[in-house]
Amino acid sequence: MLLKDSRYKGARRFEADGQGAVRCKGTRPRAIGPAVGVLEHVIQEGDRLDLLARHYYSDARLWWRILDANPDLSSGVELSLRGRAGEVILIPKAKE
């Protein structure tokens, strides 16, 4: 069960195969559209996705919005931007 405001709300669930078995319980990856209304941020030493989310959105839990706009940042579940100082990333507009 997903929360009513979950970013996975529109994602499809895995379907059963021909024998009725579900290979993976859960939700398929959600579609991520292009980022609109973005700011550019130059990464500084010590920046982390959660800290940037707190700065730009006043909510550290919204780090995934920044990751969605910058899929090349993905390195597993690490929030650190270590080794990326000087790179420019996109910060999408906060939802209204």
PDB file of N, CA and C in Angstrom:
ATOM      1  N   MET A   1       0.840  -1.168   0.000  1.00  0.00           N
ATOM      2  CA  MET A   1       0.000   0.000   0.000  1.00  0.00           C
ATOM      3  C   MET A   1       0.891   1.240   0.000  1.00  0.00           C
ATOM      4  N   LEU A   2       0.566   2.172  -0.854  1.00  0.00           N
ATOM      5  CA  LEU A   2       1.334   3.400  -0.958  1.00  0.00           C
ATOM      6  C   LEU A   2       0.591   4.539  -0.287  1.00  0.00           C
ATOM      7  N   LEU A   3       1.340   5.483   0.241  1.00  0.00           N
ATOM      8  CA  LEU A   3       0.723   6.674   0.808  1.00  0.00           C
ATOM      9  C   LEU A   3       0.083   7.489  -0.301  1.00  0.00           C
ATOM     10  N   LYS A   4      -0.914   8.289   0.026  1.00  0.00           N
ATOM     11  CA  LYS A   4      -1.648   9.039  -0.998  1.00  0.00           C
ATOM     12  C   LYS A   4      -0.762  10.027  -1.751  1.00  0.00           C
ATOM     13  N   ASP A   5       0.302  10.519  -1.128  1.00  0.00           N
ATOM     14  CA  ASP A   5       1.193  11.470  -1.783  1.00  0.00           C
ATOM     15  C   ASP A   5       2.473  10.816  -2.295  1.00  0.00           C
ATOM     16  N   SER A   6       2.516   9.492  -2.344  1.00  0.00           N
ATOM     17  CA  SER A   6       3.722   8.781  -2.757  1.00  0.00           C
ATOM     18  C   SER A   6       4.094   9.114  -4.201  1.00  0.00           C
ATOM     19  N   ARG A   7       5.393   9.271  -4.460  1.00  0.00           N
ATOM     20  CA  ARG A   7       5.834   9.513  -5.829  1.00  0.00           C
ATOM     21  C   ARG A   7       5.695   8.254  -6.684  1.00  0.00           C
ATOM     22  N   TYR A   8       5.387   7.125  -6.081  1.00  0.00           N
ATOM     23  CA  TYR A   8       5.178   5.876  -6.802  1.00  0.00           C
ATOM     24  C   TYR A   8       3.693   5.584  -7.041  1.00  0.00           C
ATOM     25  N   LYS A   9       2.824   6.511  -6.694  1.00  0.00           N
ATOM     26  CA  LYS A   9       1.389   6.281  -6.780  1.00  0.00           C
ATOM     27  C   LYS A   9       0.941   5.841  -8.178  1.00  0.00           C
ATOM     28  N   GLY A  10       1.496   6.421  -9.226  1.00  0.00           N
ATOM     29  CA  GLY A  10       1.096   6.072 -10.588  1.00  0.00           C
ATOM     30  C   GLY A  10       1.881   4.935 -11.211  1.00  0.00           C
ATOM     31  N   ALA A  11       2.851   4.387 -10.484  1.00  0.00           N
ATOM     32  CA  ALA A  11       3.679   3.317 -11.036  1.00  0.00           C
ATOM     33  C   ALA A  11       2.900   2.003 -11.077  1.00  0.00           C
ATOM     34  N   ARG A  12       3.203   1.192 -12.109  1.00  0.00           N
ATOM     35  CA  ARG A  12       2.520  -0.096 -12.246  1.00  0.00           C
ATOM     36  C   ARG A  12       3.145  -1.149 -11.335  1.00  0.00           C
ATOM     37  N   ARG A  13       2.343  -2.089 -10.897  1.00  0.00           N
ATOM     38  CA  ARG A  13       2.838  -3.213 -10.104  1.00  0.00           C
ATOM     39  C   ARG A  13       3.365  -4.274 -11.060  1.00  0.00           C
ATOM     40  N   PHE A  14       4.193  -5.179 -10.569  1.00  0.00           N
ATOM     41  CA  PHE A  14       4.670  -6.286 -11.382  1.00  0.00           C
ATOM     42  C   PHE A  14       3.512  -7.249 -11.607  1.00  0.00           C
ATOM     43  N   GLU A  15       3.416  -7.786 -12.831  1.00  0.00           N
ATOM     44  CA  GLU A  15       2.335  -8.716 -13.152  1.00  0.00           C
ATOM     45  C   GLU A  15       2.810 -10.157 -13.043  1.00  0.00           C
ATOM     46  N   ALA A  16       1.864 -11.054 -12.908  1.00  0.00           N
ATOM     47  CA  ALA A  16       2.164 -12.478 -12.828  1.00  0.00           C
ATOM     48  C   ALA A  16       2.570 -12.995 -14.207  1.00  0.00           C
ATOM     49  N   ASP A  17       3.429 -14.020 -14.225  1.00  0.00           N
ATOM     50  CA  ASP A  17       3.819 -14.628 -15.498  1.00  0.00           C
ATOM     51  C   ASP A  17       2.741 -15.618 -15.936  1.00  0.00           C
ATOM     52  N   GLY A  18       3.035 -16.413 -16.954  1.00  0.00           N
ATOM     53  CA  GLY A  18       2.069 -17.366 -17.503  1.00  0.00           C
ATOM     54  C   GLY A  18       1.575 -18.403 -16.509  1.00  0.00           C
ATOM     55  N   GLN A  19       2.391 -18.745 -15.491  1.00  0.00           N
ATOM     56  CA  GLN A  19       1.981 -19.718 -14.476  1.00  0.00           C
ATOM     57  C   GLN A  19       1.337 -19.050 -13.264  1.00  0.00           C
ATOM     58  N   GLY A  20       1.184 -17.751 -13.305  1.00  0.00           N
ATOM     59  CA  GLY A  20       0.558 -17.043 -12.193  1.00  0.00           C
ATOM     60  C   GLY A  20       1.517 -16.608 -11.098  1.00  0.00           C
ATOM     61  N   ALA A  21       2.811 -16.817 -11.308  1.00  0.00           N
ATOM     62  CA  ALA A  21       3.803 -16.436 -10.297  1.00  0.00           C
ATOM     63  C   ALA A  21       4.276 -15.004 -10.545  1.00  0.00           C
ATOM     64  N   VAL A  22       4.431 -14.279  -9.471  1.00  0.00           N
ATOM     65  CA  VAL A  22       4.969 -12.931  -9.552  1.00  0.00           C
ATOM     66  C   VAL A  22       6.447 -13.010  -9.180  1.00  0.00           C
ATOM     67  N   ARG A  23       7.324 -12.665 -10.120  1.00  0.00           N
ATOM     68  CA  ARG A  23       8.772 -12.797  -9.891  1.00  0.00           C
ATOM     69  C   ARG A  23       9.280 -11.791  -8.878  1.00  0.00           C
ATOM     70  N   CYS A  24       8.661 -10.650  -8.828  1.00  0.00           N
ATOM     71  CA  CYS A  24       9.121  -9.596  -7.920  1.00  0.00           C
ATOM     72  C   CYS A  24       7.902  -8.890  -7.349  1.00  0.00           C
ATOM     73  N   LYS A  25       7.755  -8.914  -6.048  1.00  0.00           N
ATOM     74  CA  LYS A  25       6.635  -8.215  -5.432  1.00  0.00           C
ATOM     75  C   LYS A  25       7.021  -6.750  -5.279  1.00  0.00           C
ATOM     76  N   GLY A  26       6.142  -5.887  -5.659  1.00  0.00           N
ATOM     77  CA  GLY A  26       6.422  -4.473  -5.523  1.00  0.00           C
ATOM     78  C   GLY A  26       5.958  -3.690  -6.727  1.00  0.00           C
ATOM     79  N   THR A  27       6.587  -2.558  -6.915  1.00  0.00           N
ATOM     80  CA  THR A  27       6.188  -1.615  -7.941  1.00  0.00           C
ATOM     81  C   THR A  27       7.311  -1.449  -8.953  1.00  0.00           C
ATOM     82  N   ARG A  28       6.933  -1.329 -10.216  1.00  0.00           N
ATOM     83  CA  ARG A  28       7.912  -1.080 -11.271  1.00  0.00           C
ATOM     84  C   ARG A  28       8.494   0.322 -11.092  1.00  0.00           C
ATOM     85  N   PRO A  29       9.651   0.565 -11.695  1.00  0.00           N
ATOM     86  CA  PRO A  29      10.202   1.922 -11.614  1.00  0.00           C
ATOM     87  C   PRO A  29       9.198   2.939 -12.151  1.00  0.00           C
ATOM     88  N   ARG A  30       9.150   4.081 -11.523  1.00  0.00           N
ATOM     89  CA  ARG A  30       8.223   5.110 -11.957  1.00  0.00           C
ATOM     90  C   ARG A  30       8.823   5.896 -13.109  1.00  0.00           C
ATOM     91  N   ALA A  31       7.964   6.468 -13.926  1.00  0.00           N
ATOM     92  CA  ALA A  31       8.419   7.296 -15.044  1.00  0.00           C
ATOM     93  C   ALA A  31       8.915   8.632 -14.494  1.00  0.00           C
ATOM     94  N   ILE A  32      10.044   9.084 -15.007  1.00  0.00           N
ATOM     95  CA  ILE A  32      10.601  10.360 -14.581  1.00  0.00           C
ATOM     96  C   ILE A  32      10.658  11.264 -15.804  1.00  0.00           C
ATOM     97  N   GLY A  33       9.881  12.324 -15.776  1.00  0.00           N
ATOM     98  CA  GLY A  33       9.855  13.263 -16.890  1.00  0.00           C
ATOM     99  C   GLY A  33      10.994  14.260 -16.804  1.00  0.00           C
ATOM    100  N   PRO A  34      11.093  15.121 -17.803  1.00  0.00           N
ATOM    101  CA  PRO A  34      12.159  16.128 -17.782  1.00  0.00           C
ATOM    102  C   PRO A  34      11.941  17.140 -16.664  1.00  0.00           C
ATOM    103  N   ALA A  35      13.033  17.628 -16.120  1.00  0.00           N
ATOM    104  CA  ALA A  35      12.954  18.645 -15.070  1.00  0.00           C
ATOM    105  C   ALA A  35      12.602  19.990 -15.700  1.00  0.00           C
ATOM    106  N   VAL A  36      11.657  20.686 -15.114  1.00  0.00           N
ATOM    107  CA  VAL A  36      11.271  22.015 -15.605  1.00  0.00           C
ATOM    108  C   VAL A  36      11.429  23.027 -14.486  1.00  0.00           C
ATOM    109  N   GLY A  37      11.631  24.271 -14.857  1.00  0.00           N
ATOM    110  CA  GLY A  37      11.784  25.323 -13.853  1.00  0.00           C
ATOM    111  C   GLY A  37      12.949  25.061 -12.935  1.00  0.00           C
ATOM    112  N   VAL A  38      14.128  24.897 -13.496  1.00  0.00           N
ATOM    113  CA  VAL A  38      15.283  24.491 -12.704  1.00  0.00           C
ATOM    114  C   VAL A  38      16.230  25.654 -12.419  1.00  0.00           C
ATOM    115  N   LEU A  39      16.969  25.487 -11.346  1.00  0.00           N
ATOM    116  CA  LEU A  39      18.096  26.353 -11.019  1.00  0.00           C
ATOM    117  C   LEU A  39      19.356  25.543 -11.260  1.00  0.00           C
ATOM    118  N   GLU A  40      20.455  26.218 -11.508  1.00  0.00           N
ATOM    119  CA  GLU A  40      21.728  25.524 -11.605  1.00  0.00           C
ATOM    120  C   GLU A  40      22.483  25.721 -10.299  1.00  0.00           C
ATOM    121  N   HIS A  41      23.077  24.651  -9.807  1.00  0.00           N
ATOM    122  CA  HIS A  41      23.833  24.685  -8.559  1.00  0.00           C
ATOM    123  C   HIS A  41      25.226  24.127  -8.825  1.00  0.00           C
ATOM    124  N   VAL A  42      26.252  24.863  -8.432  1.00  0.00           N
ATOM    125  CA  VAL A  42      27.626  24.371  -8.550  1.00  0.00           C
ATOM    126  C   VAL A  42      27.952  23.614  -7.266  1.00  0.00           C
ATOM    127  N   ILE A  43      28.299  22.354  -7.402  1.00  0.00           N
ATOM    128  CA  ILE A  43      28.568  21.504  -6.246  1.00  0.00           C
ATOM    129  C   ILE A  43      29.818  22.004  -5.524  1.00  0.00           C
ATOM    130  N   GLN A  44      29.696  22.124  -4.210  1.00  0.00           N
ATOM    131  CA  GLN A  44      30.805  22.513  -3.329  1.00  0.00           C
ATOM    132  C   GLN A  44      31.226  21.283  -2.517  1.00  0.00           C
ATOM    133  N   GLU A  45      32.468  21.281  -2.044  1.00  0.00           N
ATOM    134  CA  GLU A  45      32.906  20.196  -1.158  1.00  0.00           C
ATOM    135  C   GLU A  45      31.956  20.127   0.035  1.00  0.00           C
ATOM    136  N   GLY A  46      31.559  18.939   0.401  1.00  0.00           N
ATOM    137  CA  GLY A  46      30.673  18.750   1.543  1.00  0.00           C
ATOM    138  C   GLY A  46      29.194  18.743   1.185  1.00  0.00           C
ATOM    139  N   ASP A  47      28.840  19.100  -0.060  1.00  0.00           N
ATOM    140  CA  ASP A  47      27.432  19.046  -0.465  1.00  0.00           C
ATOM    141  C   ASP A  47      26.942  17.608  -0.467  1.00  0.00           C
ATOM    142  N   ARG A  48      25.690  17.447  -0.063  1.00  0.00           N
ATOM    143  CA  ARG A  48      25.009  16.154  -0.123  1.00  0.00           C
ATOM    144  C   ARG A  48      23.610  16.434  -0.639  1.00  0.00           C
ATOM    145  N   LEU A  49      23.000  15.430  -1.262  1.00  0.00           N
ATOM    146  CA  LEU A  49      21.661  15.618  -1.814  1.00  0.00           C
ATOM    147  C   LEU A  49      20.659  16.021  -0.741  1.00  0.00           C
ATOM    148  N   ASP A  50      20.724  15.401   0.426  1.00  0.00           N
ATOM    149  CA  ASP A  50      19.763  15.729   1.475  1.00  0.00           C
ATOM    150  C   ASP A  50      19.965  17.152   1.996  1.00  0.00           C
ATOM    151  N   LEU A  51      21.219  17.603   2.086  1.00  0.00           N
ATOM    152  CA  LEU A  51      21.475  18.963   2.554  1.00  0.00           C
ATOM    153  C   LEU A  51      21.023  19.990   1.519  1.00  0.00           C
ATOM    154  N   LEU A  52      21.216  19.683   0.242  1.00  0.00           N
ATOM    155  CA  LEU A  52      20.726  20.581  -0.805  1.00  0.00           C
ATOM    156  C   LEU A  52      19.199  20.646  -0.800  1.00  0.00           C
ATOM    157  N   ALA A  53      18.553  19.505  -0.584  1.00  0.00           N
ATOM    158  CA  ALA A  53      17.092  19.489  -0.520  1.00  0.00           C
ATOM    159  C   ALA A  53      16.590  20.321   0.655  1.00  0.00           C
ATOM    160  N   ARG A  54      17.277  20.231   1.780  1.00  0.00           N
ATOM    161  CA  ARG A  54      16.877  21.043   2.935  1.00  0.00           C
ATOM    162  C   ARG A  54      17.051  22.528   2.625  1.00  0.00           C
ATOM    163  N   HIS A  55      18.138  22.867   1.935  1.00  0.00           N
ATOM    164  CA  HIS A  55      18.396  24.262   1.588  1.00  0.00           C
ATOM    165  C   HIS A  55      17.359  24.795   0.597  1.00  0.00           C
ATOM    166  N   TYR A  56      17.097  24.051  -0.471  1.00  0.00           N
ATOM    167  CA  TYR A  56      16.214  24.547  -1.539  1.00  0.00           C
ATOM    168  C   TYR A  56      14.726  24.309  -1.279  1.00  0.00           C
ATOM    169  N   TYR A  57      14.386  23.234  -0.550  1.00  0.00           N
ATOM    170  CA  TYR A  57      12.979  22.879  -0.337  1.00  0.00           C
ATOM    171  C   TYR A  57      12.551  22.936   1.125  1.00  0.00           C
ATOM    172  N   SER A  58      13.473  23.206   2.023  1.00  0.00           N
ATOM    173  CA  SER A  58      13.206  23.176   3.468  1.00  0.00           C
ATOM    174  C   SER A  58      12.750  21.799   3.933  1.00  0.00           C
ATOM    175  N   ASP A  59      13.182  20.755   3.233  1.00  0.00           N
ATOM    176  CA  ASP A  59      12.816  19.380   3.593  1.00  0.00           C
ATOM    177  C   ASP A  59      13.885  18.426   3.034  1.00  0.00           C
ATOM    178  N   ALA A  60      14.723  17.906   3.902  1.00  0.00           N
ATOM    179  CA  ALA A  60      15.822  17.031   3.482  1.00  0.00           C
ATOM    180  C   ALA A  60      15.332  15.743   2.838  1.00  0.00           C
ATOM    181  N   ARG A  61      14.086  15.355   3.110  1.00  0.00           N
ATOM    182  CA  ARG A  61      13.550  14.110   2.552  1.00  0.00           C
ATOM    183  C   ARG A  61      13.255  14.217   1.057  1.00  0.00           C
ATOM    184  N   LEU A  62      13.327  15.400   0.481  1.00  0.00           N
ATOM    185  CA  LEU A  62      13.016  15.588  -0.935  1.00  0.00           C
ATOM    186  C   LEU A  62      14.264  15.510  -1.825  1.00  0.00           C
ATOM    187  N   TRP A  63      15.335  14.888  -1.330  1.00  0.00           N
ATOM    188  CA  TRP A  63      16.571  14.729  -2.094  1.00  0.00           C
ATOM    189  C   TRP A  63      16.340  14.037  -3.423  1.00  0.00           C
ATOM    190  N   TRP A  64      15.354  13.164  -3.497  1.00  0.00           N
ATOM    191  CA  TRP A  64      15.075  12.406  -4.711  1.00  0.00           C
ATOM    192  C   TRP A  64      14.667  13.305  -5.873  1.00  0.00           C
ATOM    193  N   ARG A  65      14.096  14.496  -5.581  1.00  0.00           N
ATOM    194  CA  ARG A  65      13.750  15.424  -6.661  1.00  0.00           C
ATOM    195  C   ARG A  65      15.004  15.879  -7.402  1.00  0.00           C
ATOM    196  N   ILE A  66      16.060  16.130  -6.643  1.00  0.00           N
ATOM    197  CA  ILE A  66      17.319  16.551  -7.251  1.00  0.00           C
ATOM    198  C   ILE A  66      17.920  15.386  -8.038  1.00  0.00           C
ATOM    199  N   LEU A  67      17.849  14.192  -7.483  1.00  0.00           N
ATOM    200  CA  LEU A  67      18.368  13.018  -8.182  1.00  0.00           C
ATOM    201  C   LEU A  67      17.582  12.751  -9.465  1.00  0.00           C
ATOM    202  N   ASP A  68      16.257  12.928  -9.435  1.00  0.00           N
ATOM    203  CA  ASP A  68      15.442  12.741 -10.643  1.00  0.00           C
ATOM    204  C   ASP A  68      15.880  13.683 -11.760  1.00  0.00           C
ATOM    205  N   ALA A  69      16.251  14.919 -11.413  1.00  0.00           N
ATOM    206  CA  ALA A  69      16.662  15.909 -12.410  1.00  0.00           C
ATOM    207  C   ALA A  69      18.092  15.674 -12.892  1.00  0.00           C
ATOM    208  N   ASN A  70      18.850  14.850 -12.162  1.00  0.00           N
ATOM    209  CA  ASN A  70      20.260  14.592 -12.473  1.00  0.00           C
ATOM    210  C   ASN A  70      20.546  13.101 -12.377  1.00  0.00           C
ATOM    211  N   PRO A  71      19.974  12.281 -13.265  1.00  0.00           N
ATOM    212  CA  PRO A  71      20.127  10.829 -13.133  1.00  0.00           C
ATOM    213  C   PRO A  71      21.573  10.352 -13.194  1.00  0.00           C
ATOM    214  N   ASP A  72      22.466  11.148 -13.759  1.00  0.00           N
ATOM    215  CA  ASP A  72      23.869  10.740 -13.820  1.00  0.00           C
ATOM    216  C   ASP A  72      24.543  10.762 -12.448  1.00  0.00           C
ATOM    217  N   LEU A  73      23.890  11.348 -11.440  1.00  0.00           N
ATOM    218  CA  LEU A  73      24.435  11.377 -10.082  1.00  0.00           C
ATOM    219  C   LEU A  73      24.256  10.052  -9.361  1.00  0.00           C
ATOM    220  N   SER A  74      23.370   9.213  -9.858  1.00  0.00           N
ATOM    221  CA  SER A  74      23.005   7.991  -9.158  1.00  0.00           C
ATOM    222  C   SER A  74      24.196   7.058  -8.997  1.00  0.00           C
ATOM    223  N   SER A  75      24.486   6.726  -7.749  1.00  0.00           N
ATOM    224  CA  SER A  75      25.542   5.761  -7.445  1.00  0.00           C
ATOM    225  C   SER A  75      25.067   4.886  -6.301  1.00  0.00           C
ATOM    226  N   GLY A  76      23.931   4.261  -6.503  1.00  0.00           N
ATOM    227  CA  GLY A  76      23.345   3.472  -5.431  1.00  0.00           C
ATOM    228  C   GLY A  76      22.478   4.362  -4.560  1.00  0.00           C
ATOM    229  N   VAL A  77      22.609   4.220  -3.259  1.00  0.00           N
ATOM    230  CA  VAL A  77      21.782   4.994  -2.346  1.00  0.00           C
ATOM    231  C   VAL A  77      22.575   6.067  -1.615  1.00  0.00           C
ATOM    232  N   GLU A  78      23.780   6.351  -2.090  1.00  0.00           N
ATOM    233  CA  GLU A  78      24.627   7.333  -1.417  1.00  0.00           C
ATOM    234  C   GLU A  78      24.134   8.749  -1.706  1.00  0.00           C
ATOM    235  N   LEU A  79      24.001   9.548  -0.670  1.00  0.00           N
ATOM    236  CA  LEU A  79      23.559  10.935  -0.815  1.00  0.00           C
ATOM    237  C   LEU A  79      24.730  11.887  -1.004  1.00  0.00           C
ATOM    238  N   SER A  80      25.922  11.413  -0.787  1.00  0.00           N
ATOM    239  CA  SER A  80      27.115  12.244  -0.879  1.00  0.00           C
ATOM    240  C   SER A  80      27.409  12.624  -2.332  1.00  0.00           C
ATOM    241  N   LEU A  81      27.968  13.802  -2.516  1.00  0.00           N
ATOM    242  CA  LEU A  81      28.407  14.248  -3.838  1.00  0.00           C
ATOM    243  C   LEU A  81      29.926  14.363  -3.870  1.00  0.00           C
ATOM    244  N   ARG A  82      30.574  13.579  -3.036  1.00  0.00           N
ATOM    245  CA  ARG A  82      32.033  13.584  -2.912  1.00  0.00           C
ATOM    246  C   ARG A  82      32.688  13.364  -4.280  1.00  0.00           C
ATOM    247  N   GLY A  83      33.717  14.155  -4.547  1.00  0.00           N
ATOM    248  CA  GLY A  83      34.443  14.026  -5.795  1.00  0.00           C
ATOM    249  C   GLY A  83      33.792  14.739  -6.974  1.00  0.00           C
ATOM    250  N   ARG A  84      32.711  15.476  -6.734  1.00  0.00           N
ATOM    251  CA  ARG A  84      31.999  16.154  -7.819  1.00  0.00           C
ATOM    252  C   ARG A  84      32.039  17.674  -7.690  1.00  0.00           C
ATOM    253  N   ALA A  85      32.891  18.182  -6.814  1.00  0.00           N
ATOM    254  CA  ALA A  85      32.982  19.634  -6.617  1.00  0.00           C
ATOM    255  C   ALA A  85      33.270  20.312  -7.952  1.00  0.00           C
ATOM    256  N   GLY A  86      32.576  21.411  -8.203  1.00  0.00           N
ATOM    257  CA  GLY A  86      32.729  22.170  -9.433  1.00  0.00           C
ATOM    258  C   GLY A  86      31.758  21.788 -10.529  1.00  0.00           C
ATOM    259  N   GLU A  87      31.131  20.612 -10.422  1.00  0.00           N
ATOM    260  CA  GLU A  87      30.131  20.208 -11.413  1.00  0.00           C
ATOM    261  C   GLU A  87      28.851  21.005 -11.196  1.00  0.00           C
ATOM    262  N   VAL A  88      28.114  21.214 -12.274  1.00  0.00           N
ATOM    263  CA  VAL A  88      26.839  21.925 -12.202  1.00  0.00           C
ATOM    264  C   VAL A  88      25.717  20.895 -12.259  1.00  0.00           C
ATOM    265  N   ILE A  89      24.786  20.988 -11.308  1.00  0.00           N
ATOM    266  CA  ILE A  89      23.614  20.115 -11.312  1.00  0.00           C
ATOM    267  C   ILE A  89      22.364  20.983 -11.366  1.00  0.00           C
ATOM    268  N   LEU A  90      21.249  20.360 -11.717  1.00  0.00           N
ATOM    269  CA  LEU A  90      19.972  21.054 -11.801  1.00  0.00           C
ATOM    270  C   LEU A  90      19.177  20.850 -10.520  1.00  0.00           C
ATOM    271  N   ILE A  91      18.581  21.920 -10.048  1.00  0.00           N
ATOM    272  CA  ILE A  91      17.689  21.858  -8.886  1.00  0.00           C
ATOM    273  C   ILE A  91      16.292  22.200  -9.403  1.00  0.00           C
ATOM    274  N   PRO A  92      15.385  21.214  -9.485  1.00  0.00           N
ATOM    275  CA  PRO A  92      14.060  21.508  -9.999  1.00  0.00           C
ATOM    276  C   PRO A  92      13.260  22.393  -9.066  1.00  0.00           C
ATOM    277  N   LYS A  93      12.349  23.108  -9.638  1.00  0.00           N
ATOM    278  CA  LYS A  93      11.467  23.993  -8.874  1.00  0.00           C
ATOM    279  C   LYS A  93      10.694  23.180  -7.843  1.00  0.00           C
ATOM    280  N   ALA A  94      10.527  23.774  -6.675  1.00  0.00           N
ATOM    281  CA  ALA A  94       9.736  23.109  -5.627  1.00  0.00           C
ATOM    282  C   ALA A  94       8.289  23.016  -6.088  1.00  0.00           C
ATOM    283  N   LYS A  95       7.646  21.910  -5.760  1.00  0.00           N
ATOM    284  CA  LYS A  95       6.219  21.738  -6.096  1.00  0.00           C
ATOM    285  C   LYS A  95       5.411  22.740  -5.305  1.00  0.00           C
ATOM    286  N   GLU A  96       4.348  23.199  -5.909  1.00  0.00           N
ATOM    287  CA  GLU A  96       3.487  24.188  -5.224  1.00  0.00           C
ATOM    288  C   GLU A  96       2.323  23.528  -4.546  1.00  0.00           C
TER     289      GLU A  96
END
